Structures are given as C-alpha cells and as structure tokens.
C-alpha cells in the first residue's frame, strides 16, 4: 500500500538532490546542449551527437535511511578537425605549387617539323 510520501518517479528522486537545484541544472544544460547540436548542424552539417551521462549513488545507513547523491556529465558534439591541403616538393617541403602544374609552365613545346597526317 502506497501513501503520498512515496517517491515513484526518477524526476521526484532527482528533485531530492540539492533541494531540486540538481534537476534544474541538468535541464538548463540539456537545453544548451540541444541548441549546441542545432548550431553545430547549421555550421558543419551531418548528424551531430551529444550525450548526457547520469550517475546516481545510493548508500544505506544503519538506521534505514538512504543517502542519495548524483553526478552528471554532458558531452557536446565534436568539432570537425581543421583541414587544409598542400603539396610536398622534391625537397620534402610543403608547397602550394602543384607538381602537375610544373608541366604546364615548362614552356611551349615545339610542334614544327614533319608530322604524319591522319584521317579523322
């Protein structure tokens, strides 16, 4: 038989911690995480992920009361790595000059002289 003092939901349990401040803090930070996920998707696209890890510890005392403590961690989405591109030249140095362009800058090739004519 239950009475009005029974704690039936997780929300009621979390409200016991720090006189309700704990649950309020989690809710505030989860709202910020949801906004971060939205901003991250707008900035980088893809399917960003965030996570809430909640830990609740119980300690039974000799007289029958239970001490409840809680901790949480919010993990925001990972920001993509910074990226760039360059080429490595013959000396092992990074260069913005493509080795493929080097052929284009070798000068004009000589096309004078005898050539075989082909039918198309």
PDB file of N, CA and C in Angstrom:
ATOM      1  N   UNK A   1       0.834  -1.166   0.000  1.00  0.00           N
ATOM      2  CA  UNK A   1       0.000   0.000   0.000  1.00  0.00           C
ATOM      3  C   UNK A   1       0.891   1.246   0.000  1.00  0.00           C
ATOM      4  N   UNK A   2       0.642   2.129  -0.908  1.00  0.00           N
ATOM      5  CA  UNK A   2       1.472   3.322  -1.014  1.00  0.00           C
ATOM      6  C   UNK A   2       0.768   4.512  -0.373  1.00  0.00           C
ATOM      7  N   UNK A   3       1.570   5.514  -0.040  1.00  0.00           N
ATOM      8  CA  UNK A   3       0.990   6.737   0.502  1.00  0.00           C
ATOM      9  C   UNK A   3       1.568   7.939  -0.226  1.00  0.00           C
ATOM     10  N   UNK A   4       1.149   9.113   0.165  1.00  0.00           N
ATOM     11  CA  UNK A   4       1.551  10.323  -0.556  1.00  0.00           C
ATOM     12  C   UNK A   4       3.032  10.665  -0.362  1.00  0.00           C
ATOM     13  N   UNK A   5       3.719   9.975   0.538  1.00  0.00           N
ATOM     14  CA  UNK A   5       5.139  10.235   0.746  1.00  0.00           C
ATOM     15  C   UNK A   5       6.026   9.362  -0.140  1.00  0.00           C
ATOM     16  N   UNK A   6       5.444   8.405  -0.821  1.00  0.00           N
ATOM     17  CA  UNK A   6       6.231   7.520  -1.684  1.00  0.00           C
ATOM     18  C   UNK A   6       6.805   8.296  -2.868  1.00  0.00           C
ATOM     19  N   UNK A   7       8.024   7.978  -3.186  1.00  0.00           N
ATOM     20  CA  UNK A   7       8.689   8.566  -4.362  1.00  0.00           C
ATOM     21  C   UNK A   7       8.555   7.547  -5.480  1.00  0.00           C
ATOM     22  N   UNK A   8       7.873   7.938  -6.551  1.00  0.00           N
ATOM     23  CA  UNK A   8       7.531   6.978  -7.604  1.00  0.00           C
ATOM     24  C   UNK A   8       8.273   7.211  -8.918  1.00  0.00           C
ATOM     25  N   UNK A   9       8.820   8.399  -9.134  1.00  0.00           N
ATOM     26  CA  UNK A   9       9.425   8.688 -10.437  1.00  0.00           C
ATOM     27  C   UNK A   9      10.881   9.123 -10.278  1.00  0.00           C
ATOM     28  N   UNK A  10      11.607   9.001 -11.348  1.00  0.00           N
ATOM     29  CA  UNK A  10      13.003   9.458 -11.368  1.00  0.00           C
ATOM     30  C   UNK A  10      13.064  10.968 -11.150  1.00  0.00           C
ATOM     31  N   UNK A  11      12.127  11.672 -11.712  1.00  0.00           N
ATOM     32  CA  UNK A  11      12.096  13.123 -11.525  1.00  0.00           C
ATOM     33  C   UNK A  11      11.958  13.485 -10.048  1.00  0.00           C
ATOM     34  N   UNK A  12      11.111  12.753  -9.330  1.00  0.00           N
ATOM     35  CA  UNK A  12      10.955  13.002  -7.894  1.00  0.00           C
ATOM     36  C   UNK A  12      12.254  12.717  -7.143  1.00  0.00           C
ATOM     37  N   UNK A  13      12.960  11.663  -7.540  1.00  0.00           N
ATOM     38  CA  UNK A  13      14.244  11.345  -6.904  1.00  0.00           C
ATOM     39  C   UNK A  13      15.270  12.435  -7.174  1.00  0.00           C
ATOM     40  N   UNK A  14      15.350  12.888  -8.428  1.00  0.00           N
ATOM     41  CA  UNK A  14      16.325  13.923  -8.771  1.00  0.00           C
ATOM     42  C   UNK A  14      16.008  15.234  -8.074  1.00  0.00           C
ATOM     43  N   UNK A  15      14.744  15.475  -7.796  1.00  0.00           N
ATOM     44  CA  UNK A  15      14.353  16.684  -7.073  1.00  0.00           C
ATOM     45  C   UNK A  15      14.813  16.672  -5.614  1.00  0.00           C
ATOM     46  N   UNK A  16      15.124  15.498  -5.079  1.00  0.00           N
ATOM     47  CA  UNK A  16      15.651  15.411  -3.719  1.00  0.00           C
ATOM     48  C   UNK A  16      17.074  15.980  -3.628  1.00  0.00           C
ATOM     49  N   UNK A  17      17.819  15.895  -4.713  1.00  0.00           N
ATOM     50  CA  UNK A  17      19.229  16.289  -4.708  1.00  0.00           C
ATOM     51  C   UNK A  17      19.353  17.802  -4.733  1.00  0.00           C
ATOM     52  N   UNK A  18      20.073  18.334  -3.789  1.00  0.00           N
ATOM     53  CA  UNK A  18      20.302  19.785  -3.651  1.00  0.00           C
ATOM     54  C   UNK A  18      18.998  20.580  -3.690  1.00  0.00           C
ATOM     55  N   UNK A  19      17.978  20.061  -3.031  1.00  0.00           N
ATOM     56  CA  UNK A  19      16.668  20.710  -2.936  1.00  0.00           C
ATOM     57  C   UNK A  19      16.115  21.102  -4.317  1.00  0.00           C
ATOM     58  N   UNK A  20      16.323  20.244  -5.294  1.00  0.00           N
ATOM     59  CA  UNK A  20      15.798  20.483  -6.632  1.00  0.00           C
ATOM     60  C   UNK A  20      16.750  21.223  -7.562  1.00  0.00           C
ATOM     61  N   UNK A  21      17.821  21.777  -7.033  1.00  0.00           N
ATOM     62  CA  UNK A  21      18.781  22.524  -7.861  1.00  0.00           C
ATOM     63  C   UNK A  21      19.469  21.610  -8.884  1.00  0.00           C
ATOM     64  N   UNK A  22      19.736  20.364  -8.483  1.00  0.00           N
ATOM     65  CA  UNK A  22      20.421  19.412  -9.357  1.00  0.00           C
ATOM     66  C   UNK A  22      19.636  19.178 -10.640  1.00  0.00           C
ATOM     67  N   UNK A  23      18.352  18.881 -10.497  1.00  0.00           N
ATOM     68  CA  UNK A  23      17.499  18.636 -11.667  1.00  0.00           C
ATOM     69  C   UNK A  23      17.378  19.892 -12.525  1.00  0.00           C
ATOM     70  N   UNK A  24      17.215  21.038 -11.890  1.00  0.00           N
ATOM     71  CA  UNK A  24      17.127  22.294 -12.641  1.00  0.00           C
ATOM     72  C   UNK A  24      18.381  22.572 -13.446  1.00  0.00           C
ATOM     73  N   UNK A  25      19.538  22.278 -12.854  1.00  0.00           N
ATOM     74  CA  UNK A  25      20.810  22.480 -13.556  1.00  0.00           C
ATOM     75  C   UNK A  25      20.931  21.549 -14.759  1.00  0.00           C
ATOM     76  N   UNK A  26      20.540  20.289 -14.573  1.00  0.00           N
ATOM     77  CA  UNK A  26      20.574  19.336 -15.700  1.00  0.00           C
ATOM     78  C   UNK A  26      19.658  19.815 -16.826  1.00  0.00           C
ATOM     79  N   UNK A  27      18.458  20.249 -16.487  1.00  0.00           N
ATOM     80  CA  UNK A  27      17.518  20.703 -17.511  1.00  0.00           C
ATOM     81  C   UNK A  27      18.058  21.914 -18.257  1.00  0.00           C
ATOM     82  N   UNK A  28      18.678  22.835 -17.549  1.00  0.00           N
ATOM     83  CA  UNK A  28      19.266  24.017 -18.190  1.00  0.00           C
ATOM     84  C   UNK A  28      20.392  23.622 -19.140  1.00  0.00           C
ATOM     85  N   UNK A  29      21.254  22.719 -18.670  1.00  0.00           N
ATOM     86  CA  UNK A  29      22.376  22.305 -19.513  1.00  0.00           C
ATOM     87  C   UNK A  29      21.935  21.444 -20.686  1.00  0.00           C
ATOM     88  N   UNK A  30      20.870  20.667 -20.529  1.00  0.00           N
ATOM     89  CA  UNK A  30      20.342  19.903 -21.664  1.00  0.00           C
ATOM     90  C   UNK A  30      19.754  20.827 -22.727  1.00  0.00           C
ATOM     91  N   UNK A  31      19.103  21.897 -22.312  1.00  0.00           N
ATOM     92  CA  UNK A  31      18.585  22.879 -23.281  1.00  0.00           C
ATOM     93  C   UNK A  31      19.746  23.506 -24.048  1.00  0.00           C
ATOM     94  N   UNK A  32      20.845  23.801 -23.349  1.00  0.00           N
ATOM     95  CA  UNK A  32      22.029  24.353 -24.007  1.00  0.00           C
ATOM     96  C   UNK A  32      22.643  23.329 -24.961  1.00  0.00           C
ATOM     97  N   UNK A  33      22.652  22.055 -24.580  1.00  0.00           N
ATOM     98  CA  UNK A  33      23.172  21.003 -25.462  1.00  0.00           C
ATOM     99  C   UNK A  33      22.338  20.905 -26.730  1.00  0.00           C
ATOM    100  N   UNK A  34      21.019  20.958 -26.593  1.00  0.00           N
ATOM    101  CA  UNK A  34      20.160  20.888 -27.789  1.00  0.00           C
ATOM    102  C   UNK A  34      20.429  22.061 -28.725  1.00  0.00           C
ATOM    103  N   UNK A  35      20.643  23.243 -28.176  1.00  0.00           N
ATOM    104  CA  UNK A  35      20.969  24.404 -29.001  1.00  0.00           C
ATOM    105  C   UNK A  35      22.338  24.222 -29.661  1.00  0.00           C
ATOM    106  N   UNK A  36      23.284  23.654 -28.920  1.00  0.00           N
ATOM    107  CA  UNK A  36      24.611  23.385 -29.474  1.00  0.00           C
ATOM    108  C   UNK A  36      24.522  22.403 -30.634  1.00  0.00           C
ATOM    109  N   UNK A  37      23.696  21.380 -30.493  1.00  0.00           N
ATOM    110  CA  UNK A  37      23.517  20.409 -31.584  1.00  0.00           C
ATOM    111  C   UNK A  37      22.956  21.105 -32.834  1.00  0.00           C
ATOM    112  N   UNK A  38      21.992  21.961 -32.631  1.00  0.00           N
ATOM    113  CA  UNK A  38      21.395  22.691 -33.763  1.00  0.00           C
ATOM    114  C   UNK A  38      22.422  23.603 -34.423  1.00  0.00           C
ATOM    115  N   UNK A  39      23.161  24.368 -33.613  1.00  0.00           N
ATOM    116  CA  UNK A  39      24.178  25.268 -34.155  1.00  0.00           C
ATOM    117  C   UNK A  39      25.266  24.496 -34.882  1.00  0.00           C
ATOM    118  N   UNK A  40      25.649  23.346 -34.327  1.00  0.00           N
ATOM    119  CA  UNK A  40      26.697  22.518 -34.934  1.00  0.00           C
ATOM    120  C   UNK A  40      26.250  22.005 -36.299  1.00  0.00           C
ATOM    121  N   UNK A  41      24.993  21.581 -36.390  1.00  0.00           N
ATOM    122  CA  UNK A  41      24.495  21.079 -37.673  1.00  0.00           C
ATOM    123  C   UNK A  41      24.439  22.192 -38.705  1.00  0.00           C
ATOM    124  N   UNK A  42      24.018  23.375 -38.304  1.00  0.00           N
ATOM    125  CA  UNK A  42      23.968  24.501 -39.240  1.00  0.00           C
ATOM    126  C   UNK A  42      25.367  24.885 -39.713  1.00  0.00           C
ATOM    127  N   UNK A  43      26.349  24.788 -38.825  1.00  0.00           N
ATOM    128  CA  UNK A  43      27.716  25.182 -39.169  1.00  0.00           C
ATOM    129  C   UNK A  43      28.459  24.119 -39.972  1.00  0.00           C
ATOM    130  N   UNK A  44      28.256  22.841 -39.622  1.00  0.00           N
ATOM    131  CA  UNK A  44      29.076  21.780 -40.209  1.00  0.00           C
ATOM    132  C   UNK A  44      28.281  20.717 -40.948  1.00  0.00           C
ATOM    133  N   UNK A  45      26.942  20.718 -40.811  1.00  0.00           N
ATOM    134  CA  UNK A  45      26.126  19.684 -41.444  1.00  0.00           C
ATOM    135  C   UNK A  45      26.249  18.369 -40.694  1.00  0.00           C
ATOM    136  N   UNK A  46      25.860  17.308 -41.337  1.00  0.00           N
ATOM    137  CA  UNK A  46      25.983  15.985 -40.747  1.00  0.00           C
ATOM    138  C   UNK A  46      24.946  15.716 -39.669  1.00  0.00           C
ATOM    139  N   UNK A  47      25.260  14.734 -38.825  1.00  0.00           N
ATOM    140  CA  UNK A  47      24.365  14.333 -37.748  1.00  0.00           C
ATOM    141  C   UNK A  47      25.123  14.425 -36.426  1.00  0.00           C
ATOM    142  N   UNK A  48      25.223  15.623 -35.856  1.00  0.00           N
ATOM    143  CA  UNK A  48      25.977  15.767 -34.608  1.00  0.00           C
ATOM    144  C   UNK A  48      25.325  14.989 -33.464  1.00  0.00           C
ATOM    145  N   UNK A  49      26.168  14.547 -32.535  1.00  0.00           N
ATOM    146  CA  UNK A  49      25.691  13.771 -31.397  1.00  0.00           C
ATOM    147  C   UNK A  49      26.151  14.424 -30.100  1.00  0.00           C
ATOM    148  N   UNK A  50      25.289  14.386 -29.111  1.00  0.00           N
ATOM    149  CA  UNK A  50      25.624  14.825 -27.769  1.00  0.00           C
ATOM    150  C   UNK A  50      25.186  13.746 -26.802  1.00  0.00           C
ATOM    151  N   UNK A  51      25.632  13.853 -25.556  1.00  0.00           N
ATOM    152  CA  UNK A  51      25.309  12.787 -24.615  1.00  0.00           C
ATOM    153  C   UNK A  51      25.197  13.343 -23.199  1.00  0.00           C
ATOM    154  N   UNK A  52      24.255  12.785 -22.445  1.00  0.00           N
ATOM    155  CA  UNK A  52      24.128  13.037 -21.018  1.00  0.00           C
ATOM    156  C   UNK A  52      24.413  11.725 -20.307  1.00  0.00           C
ATOM    157  N   UNK A  53      25.386  11.739 -19.413  1.00  0.00           N
ATOM    158  CA  UNK A  53      25.676  10.573 -18.586  1.00  0.00           C
ATOM    159  C   UNK A  53      25.288  10.933 -17.165  1.00  0.00           C
ATOM    160  N   UNK A  54      24.349  10.195 -16.611  1.00  0.00           N
ATOM    161  CA  UNK A  54      23.827  10.463 -15.281  1.00  0.00           C
ATOM    162  C   UNK A  54      24.226   9.316 -14.361  1.00  0.00           C
ATOM    163  N   UNK A  55      24.753   9.661 -13.193  1.00  0.00           N
ATOM    164  CA  UNK A  55      25.158   8.665 -12.212  1.00  0.00           C
ATOM    165  C   UNK A  55      24.457   8.988 -10.889  1.00  0.00           C
ATOM    166  N   UNK A  56      23.758   7.993 -10.336  1.00  0.00           N
ATOM    167  CA  UNK A  56      23.092   8.160  -9.055  1.00  0.00           C
ATOM    168  C   UNK A  56      23.632   7.082  -8.115  1.00  0.00           C
ATOM    169  N   UNK A  57      24.081   7.503  -6.946  1.00  0.00           N
ATOM    170  CA  UNK A  57      24.624   6.567  -5.960  1.00  0.00           C
ATOM    171  C   UNK A  57      23.711   6.539  -4.737  1.00  0.00           C
ATOM    172  N   UNK A  58      23.539   5.352  -4.193  1.00  0.00           N
ATOM    173  CA  UNK A  58      22.722   5.147  -3.012  1.00  0.00           C
ATOM    174  C   UNK A  58      23.597   4.540  -1.920  1.00  0.00           C
ATOM    175  N   UNK A  59      23.434   5.044  -0.698  1.00  0.00           N
ATOM    176  CA  UNK A  59      24.153   4.477   0.440  1.00  0.00           C
ATOM    177  C   UNK A  59      23.157   4.266   1.580  1.00  0.00           C
ATOM    178  N   UNK A  60      22.974   3.007   1.954  1.00  0.00           N
ATOM    179  CA  UNK A  60      22.043   2.657   3.026  1.00  0.00           C
ATOM    180  C   UNK A  60      22.760   2.807   4.363  1.00  0.00           C
ATOM    181  N   UNK A  61      22.182   3.585   5.250  1.00  0.00           N
ATOM    182  CA  UNK A  61      22.741   3.772   6.592  1.00  0.00           C
ATOM    183  C   UNK A  61      22.165   2.731   7.544  1.00  0.00           C
ATOM    184  N   UNK A  62      22.807   2.594   8.686  1.00  0.00           N
ATOM    185  CA  UNK A  62      22.403   1.566   9.662  1.00  0.00           C
ATOM    186  C   UNK A  62      20.982   1.761  10.171  1.00  0.00           C
ATOM    187  N   UNK A  63      20.547   2.999  10.251  1.00  0.00           N
ATOM    188  CA  UNK A  63      19.205   3.249  10.787  1.00  0.00           C
ATOM    189  C   UNK A  63      18.099   3.135   9.734  1.00  0.00           C
ATOM    190  N   UNK A  64      18.472   2.781   8.468  1.00  0.00           N
ATOM    191  CA  UNK A  64      17.465   2.542   7.439  1.00  0.00           C
ATOM    192  C   UNK A  64      17.266   3.670   6.452  1.00  0.00           C
ATOM    193  N   UNK A  65      17.831   4.846   6.715  1.00  0.00           N
ATOM    194  CA  UNK A  65      17.686   5.914   5.718  1.00  0.00           C
ATOM    195  C   UNK A  65      18.726   5.729   4.610  1.00  0.00           C
ATOM    196  N   UNK A  66      18.438   6.298   3.467  1.00  0.00           N
ATOM    197  CA  UNK A  66      19.291   6.149   2.292  1.00  0.00           C
ATOM    198  C   UNK A  66      19.815   7.517   1.887  1.00  0.00           C
ATOM    199  N   UNK A  67      21.129   7.608   1.746  1.00  0.00           N
ATOM    200  CA  UNK A  67      21.746   8.830   1.215  1.00  0.00           C
ATOM    201  C   UNK A  67      21.821   8.673  -0.299  1.00  0.00           C
ATOM    202  N   UNK A  68      21.365   9.680  -1.007  1.00  0.00           N
ATOM    203  CA  UNK A  68      21.357   9.651  -2.472  1.00  0.00           C
ATOM    204  C   UNK A  68      22.232  10.797  -2.958  1.00  0.00           C
ATOM    205  N   UNK A  69      23.149  10.479  -3.855  1.00  0.00           N
ATOM    206  CA  UNK A  69      23.980  11.525  -4.461  1.00  0.00           C
ATOM    207  C   UNK A  69      23.963  11.325  -5.968  1.00  0.00           C
ATOM    208  N   UNK A  70      24.145  12.399  -6.677  1.00  0.00           N
ATOM    209  CA  UNK A  70      24.098  12.318  -8.134  1.00  0.00           C
ATOM    210  C   UNK A  70      25.184  13.151  -8.779  1.00  0.00           C
ATOM    211  N   UNK A  71      25.546  12.723  -9.956  1.00  0.00           N
ATOM    212  CA  UNK A  71      26.546  13.429 -10.753  1.00  0.00           C
ATOM    213  C   UNK A  71      26.147  13.245 -12.215  1.00  0.00           C
ATOM    214  N   UNK A  72      26.557  14.152 -13.044  1.00  0.00           N
ATOM    215  CA  UNK A  72      26.254  14.024 -14.465  1.00  0.00           C
ATOM    216  C   UNK A  72      27.381  14.637 -15.283  1.00  0.00           C
ATOM    217  N   UNK A  73      27.404  14.241 -16.534  1.00  0.00           N
ATOM    218  CA  UNK A  73      28.379  14.790 -17.483  1.00  0.00           C
ATOM    219  C   UNK A  73      27.666  14.963 -18.810  1.00  0.00           C
ATOM    220  N   UNK A  74      27.826  16.129 -19.403  1.00  0.00           N
ATOM    221  CA  UNK A  74      27.249  16.385 -20.720  1.00  0.00           C
ATOM    222  C   UNK A  74      28.393  16.459 -21.719  1.00  0.00           C
ATOM    223  N   UNK A  75      28.268  15.699 -22.793  1.00  0.00           N
ATOM    224  CA  UNK A  75      29.286  15.670 -23.833  1.00  0.00           C
ATOM    225  C   UNK A  75      28.713  16.318 -25.085  1.00  0.00           C
ATOM    226  N   UNK A  76      29.274  17.470 -25.507  1.00  0.00           N
ATOM    227  CA  UNK A  76      28.780  18.133 -26.717  1.00  0.00           C
ATOM    228  C   UNK A  76      29.317  17.439 -27.974  1.00  0.00           C
ATOM    229  N   UNK A  77      28.787  17.779 -29.142  1.00  0.00           N
ATOM    230  CA  UNK A  77      29.294  17.180 -30.381  1.00  0.00           C
ATOM    231  C   UNK A  77      30.741  17.600 -30.621  1.00  0.00           C
ATOM    232  N   UNK A  78      31.461  16.726 -31.281  1.00  0.00           N
ATOM    233  CA  UNK A  78      32.855  17.019 -31.593  1.00  0.00           C
ATOM    234  C   UNK A  78      32.917  17.972 -32.790  1.00  0.00           C
ATOM    235  N   UNK A  79      33.786  18.957 -32.684  1.00  0.00           N
ATOM    236  CA  UNK A  79      34.017  19.881 -33.792  1.00  0.00           C
ATOM    237  C   UNK A  79      34.925  19.194 -34.803  1.00  0.00           C
ATOM    238  N   UNK A  80      34.607  19.282 -36.095  1.00  0.00           N
ATOM    239  CA  UNK A  80      35.471  18.652 -37.090  1.00  0.00           C
ATOM    240  C   UNK A  80      36.897  19.189 -37.006  1.00  0.00           C
ATOM    241  N   UNK A  81      37.838  18.343 -37.374  1.00  0.00           N
ATOM    242  CA  UNK A  81      39.239  18.745 -37.385  1.00  0.00           C
ATOM    243  C   UNK A  81      39.452  19.830 -38.434  1.00  0.00           C
ATOM    244  N   UNK A  82      40.385  20.737 -38.148  1.00  0.00           N
ATOM    245  CA  UNK A  82      40.762  21.745 -39.131  1.00  0.00           C
ATOM    246  C   UNK A  82      41.502  21.034 -40.270  1.00  0.00           C
ATOM    247  N   UNK A  83      41.246  21.448 -41.511  1.00  0.00           N
ATOM    248  CA  UNK A  83      41.851  20.773 -42.657  1.00  0.00           C
ATOM    249  C   UNK A  83      42.418  21.788 -43.626  1.00  0.00           C
ATOM    250  N   UNK A  84      43.387  21.376 -44.380  1.00  0.00           N
ATOM    251  CA  UNK A  84      43.997  22.180 -45.419  1.00  0.00           C
ATOM    252  C   UNK A  84      44.660  21.239 -46.415  1.00  0.00           C
ATOM    253  N   UNK A  85      45.213  21.794 -47.476  1.00  0.00           N
ATOM    254  CA  UNK A  85      45.875  20.969 -48.486  1.00  0.00           C
ATOM    255  C   UNK A  85      47.112  21.688 -48.997  1.00  0.00           C
ATOM    256  N   UNK A  86      48.135  20.914 -49.254  1.00  0.00           N
ATOM    257  CA  UNK A  86      49.377  21.427 -49.835  1.00  0.00           C
ATOM    258  C   UNK A  86      50.035  20.261 -50.559  1.00  0.00           C
ATOM    259  N   UNK A  87      51.135  20.539 -51.215  1.00  0.00           N
ATOM    260  CA  UNK A  87      51.896  19.519 -51.931  1.00  0.00           C
ATOM    261  C   UNK A  87      53.269  19.405 -51.293  1.00  0.00           C
ATOM    262  N   UNK A  88      53.873  18.253 -51.447  1.00  0.00           N
ATOM    263  CA  UNK A  88      55.236  18.056 -50.970  1.00  0.00           C
ATOM    264  C   UNK A  88      56.147  18.075 -52.197  1.00  0.00           C
ATOM    265  N   UNK A  89      57.138  18.993 -52.175  1.00  0.00           N
ATOM    266  CA  UNK A  89      58.051  19.091 -53.322  1.00  0.00           C
ATOM    267  C   UNK A  89      59.189  18.078 -53.196  1.00  0.00           C
ATOM    268  N   UNK A  90      60.108  18.112 -54.149  1.00  0.00           N
ATOM    269  CA  UNK A  90      61.195  17.140 -54.185  1.00  0.00           C
ATOM    270  C   UNK A  90      62.082  17.216 -52.943  1.00  0.00           C
ATOM    271  N   UNK A  91      62.150  18.372 -52.316  1.00  0.00           N
ATOM    272  CA  UNK A  91      62.983  18.544 -51.126  1.00  0.00           C
ATOM    273  C   UNK A  91      62.250  18.185 -49.837  1.00  0.00           C
ATOM    274  N   UNK A  92      61.020  17.710 -49.939  1.00  0.00           N
ATOM    275  CA  UNK A  92      60.264  17.332 -48.763  1.00  0.00           C
ATOM    276  C   UNK A  92      59.567  18.502 -48.079  1.00  0.00           C
ATOM    277  N   UNK A  93      59.565  19.661 -48.705  1.00  0.00           N
ATOM    278  CA  UNK A  93      58.918  20.843 -48.135  1.00  0.00           C
ATOM    279  C   UNK A  93      57.473  20.930 -48.616  1.00  0.00           C
ATOM    280  N   UNK A  94      56.624  21.520 -47.770  1.00  0.00           N
ATOM    281  CA  UNK A  94      55.257  21.772 -48.201  1.00  0.00           C
ATOM    282  C   UNK A  94      55.237  22.951 -49.153  1.00  0.00           C
ATOM    283  N   UNK A  95      54.391  22.862 -50.163  1.00  0.00           N
ATOM    284  CA  UNK A  95      54.305  23.911 -51.168  1.00  0.00           C
ATOM    285  C   UNK A  95      52.867  24.028 -51.638  1.00  0.00           C
ATOM    286  N   UNK A  96      52.478  25.246 -52.023  1.00  0.00           N
ATOM    287  CA  UNK A  96      51.166  25.445 -52.619  1.00  0.00           C
ATOM    288  C   UNK A  96      51.198  25.197 -54.119  1.00  0.00           C
ATOM    289  N   UNK A  97      52.378  25.027 -54.668  1.00  0.00           N
ATOM    290  CA  UNK A  97      52.541  24.809 -56.111  1.00  0.00           C
ATOM    291  C   UNK A  97      52.394  23.323 -56.430  1.00  0.00           C
ATOM    292  N   UNK A  98      51.419  23.018 -57.272  1.00  0.00           N
ATOM    293  CA  UNK A  98      51.173  21.635 -57.656  1.00  0.00           C
ATOM    294  C   UNK A  98      52.250  21.135 -58.608  1.00  0.00           C
ATOM    295  N   UNK A  99      52.784  19.949 -58.382  1.00  0.00           N
ATOM    296  CA  UNK A  99      53.762  19.398 -59.316  1.00  0.00           C
ATOM    297  C   UNK A  99      53.154  19.148 -60.694  1.00  0.00           C
ATOM    298  N   UNK A 100      51.856  18.984 -60.759  1.00  0.00           N
ATOM    299  CA  UNK A 100      51.194  18.781 -62.051  1.00  0.00           C
ATOM    300  C   UNK A 100      51.219  20.068 -62.867  1.00  0.00           C
ATOM    301  N   UNK A 101      51.240  21.222 -62.218  1.00  0.00           N
ATOM    302  CA  UNK A 101      51.295  22.491 -62.935  1.00  0.00           C
ATOM    303  C   UNK A 101      52.686  22.767 -63.497  1.00  0.00           C
ATOM    304  N   UNK A 102      53.670  22.100 -62.919  1.00  0.00           N
ATOM    305  CA  UNK A 102      55.036  22.316 -63.383  1.00  0.00           C
ATOM    306  C   UNK A 102      55.153  22.004 -64.875  1.00  0.00           C
ATOM    307  N   UNK A 103      54.456  20.951 -65.313  1.00  0.00           N
ATOM    308  CA  UNK A 103      54.480  20.608 -66.741  1.00  0.00           C
ATOM    309  C   UNK A 103      53.903  21.736 -67.584  1.00  0.00           C
ATOM    310  N   UNK A 104      52.890  22.397 -67.082  1.00  0.00           N
ATOM    311  CA  UNK A 104      52.262  23.479 -67.839  1.00  0.00           C
ATOM    312  C   UNK A 104      53.180  24.694 -67.935  1.00  0.00           C
ATOM    313  N   UNK A 105      54.110  24.853 -67.016  1.00  0.00           N
ATOM    314  CA  UNK A 105      54.996  26.010 -67.001  1.00  0.00           C
ATOM    315  C   UNK A 105      56.373  25.725 -67.597  1.00  0.00           C
ATOM    316  N   UNK A 106      56.536  24.572 -68.241  1.00  0.00           N
ATOM    317  CA  UNK A 106      57.832  24.241 -68.827  1.00  0.00           C
ATOM    318  C   UNK A 106      58.078  25.007 -70.119  1.00  0.00           C
ATOM    319  N   UNK A 107      57.126  25.660 -70.616  1.00  0.00           N
ATOM    320  CA  UNK A 107      57.266  26.416 -71.854  1.00  0.00           C
ATOM    321  C   UNK A 107      56.442  25.798 -72.966  1.00  0.00           C
ATOM    322  N   UNK A 108      56.483  26.454 -74.109  1.00  0.00           N
ATOM    323  CA  UNK A 108      55.712  25.982 -75.254  1.00  0.00           C
ATOM    324  C   UNK A 108      56.515  24.891 -75.948  1.00  0.00           C
ATOM    325  N   UNK A 109      55.865  23.791 -76.249  1.00  0.00           N
ATOM    326  CA  UNK A 109      56.587  22.706 -76.914  1.00  0.00           C
ATOM    327  C   UNK A 109      56.644  22.964 -78.417  1.00  0.00           C
ATOM    328  N   UNK A 110      57.664  22.463 -79.003  1.00  0.00           N
ATOM    329  CA  UNK A 110      57.906  22.658 -80.435  1.00  0.00           C
ATOM    330  C   UNK A 110      57.056  21.678 -81.225  1.00  0.00           C
ATOM    331  N   UNK A 111      56.200  22.206 -82.085  1.00  0.00           N
ATOM    332  CA  UNK A 111      55.350  21.360 -82.915  1.00  0.00           C
ATOM    333  C   UNK A 111      55.666  21.552 -84.397  1.00  0.00           C
ATOM    334  N   UNK A 112      56.789  22.235 -84.685  1.00  0.00           N
ATOM    335  CA  UNK A 112      57.168  22.428 -86.084  1.00  0.00           C
ATOM    336  C   UNK A 112      57.819  21.165 -86.604  1.00  0.00           C
ATOM    337  N   UNK A 113      57.950  21.077 -87.847  1.00  0.00           N
ATOM    338  CA  UNK A 113      58.613  19.926 -88.441  1.00  0.00           C
ATOM    339  C   UNK A 113      57.591  18.995 -89.063  1.00  0.00           C
ATOM    340  N   UNK A 114      58.094  17.875 -89.534  1.00  0.00           N
ATOM    341  CA  UNK A 114      57.267  16.890 -90.215  1.00  0.00           C
ATOM    342  C   UNK A 114      56.366  16.148 -89.249  1.00  0.00           C
ATOM    343  N   UNK A 115      55.126  16.031 -89.642  1.00  0.00           N
ATOM    344  CA  UNK A 115      54.179  15.260 -88.872  1.00  0.00           C
ATOM    345  C   UNK A 115      53.369  14.404 -89.814  1.00  0.00           C
ATOM    346  N   UNK A 116      52.974  13.278 -89.317  1.00  0.00           N
ATOM    347  CA  UNK A 116      52.096  12.443 -90.130  1.00  0.00           C
ATOM    348  C   UNK A 116      50.674  12.994 -90.045  1.00  0.00           C
ATOM    349  N   UNK A 117      50.033  13.020 -91.196  1.00  0.00           N
ATOM    350  CA  UNK A 117      48.662  13.493 -91.243  1.00  0.00           C
ATOM    351  C   UNK A 117      47.761  12.275 -91.175  1.00  0.00           C
ATOM    352  N   UNK A 118      46.796  12.367 -90.332  1.00  0.00           N
ATOM    353  CA  UNK A 118      45.869  11.252 -90.147  1.00  0.00           C
ATOM    354  C   UNK A 118      44.460  11.680 -90.528  1.00  0.00           C
ATOM    355  N   UNK A 119      43.726  10.728 -91.013  1.00  0.00           N
ATOM    356  CA  UNK A 119      42.303  10.982 -91.270  1.00  0.00           C
ATOM    357  C   UNK A 119      41.550  10.876 -89.942  1.00  0.00           C
ATOM    358  N   UNK A 120      40.565  11.705 -89.826  1.00  0.00           N
ATOM    359  CA  UNK A 120      39.772  11.679 -88.597  1.00  0.00           C
ATOM    360  C   UNK A 120      38.775  10.578 -88.597  1.00  0.00           C
TER     361      UNK A 120
END
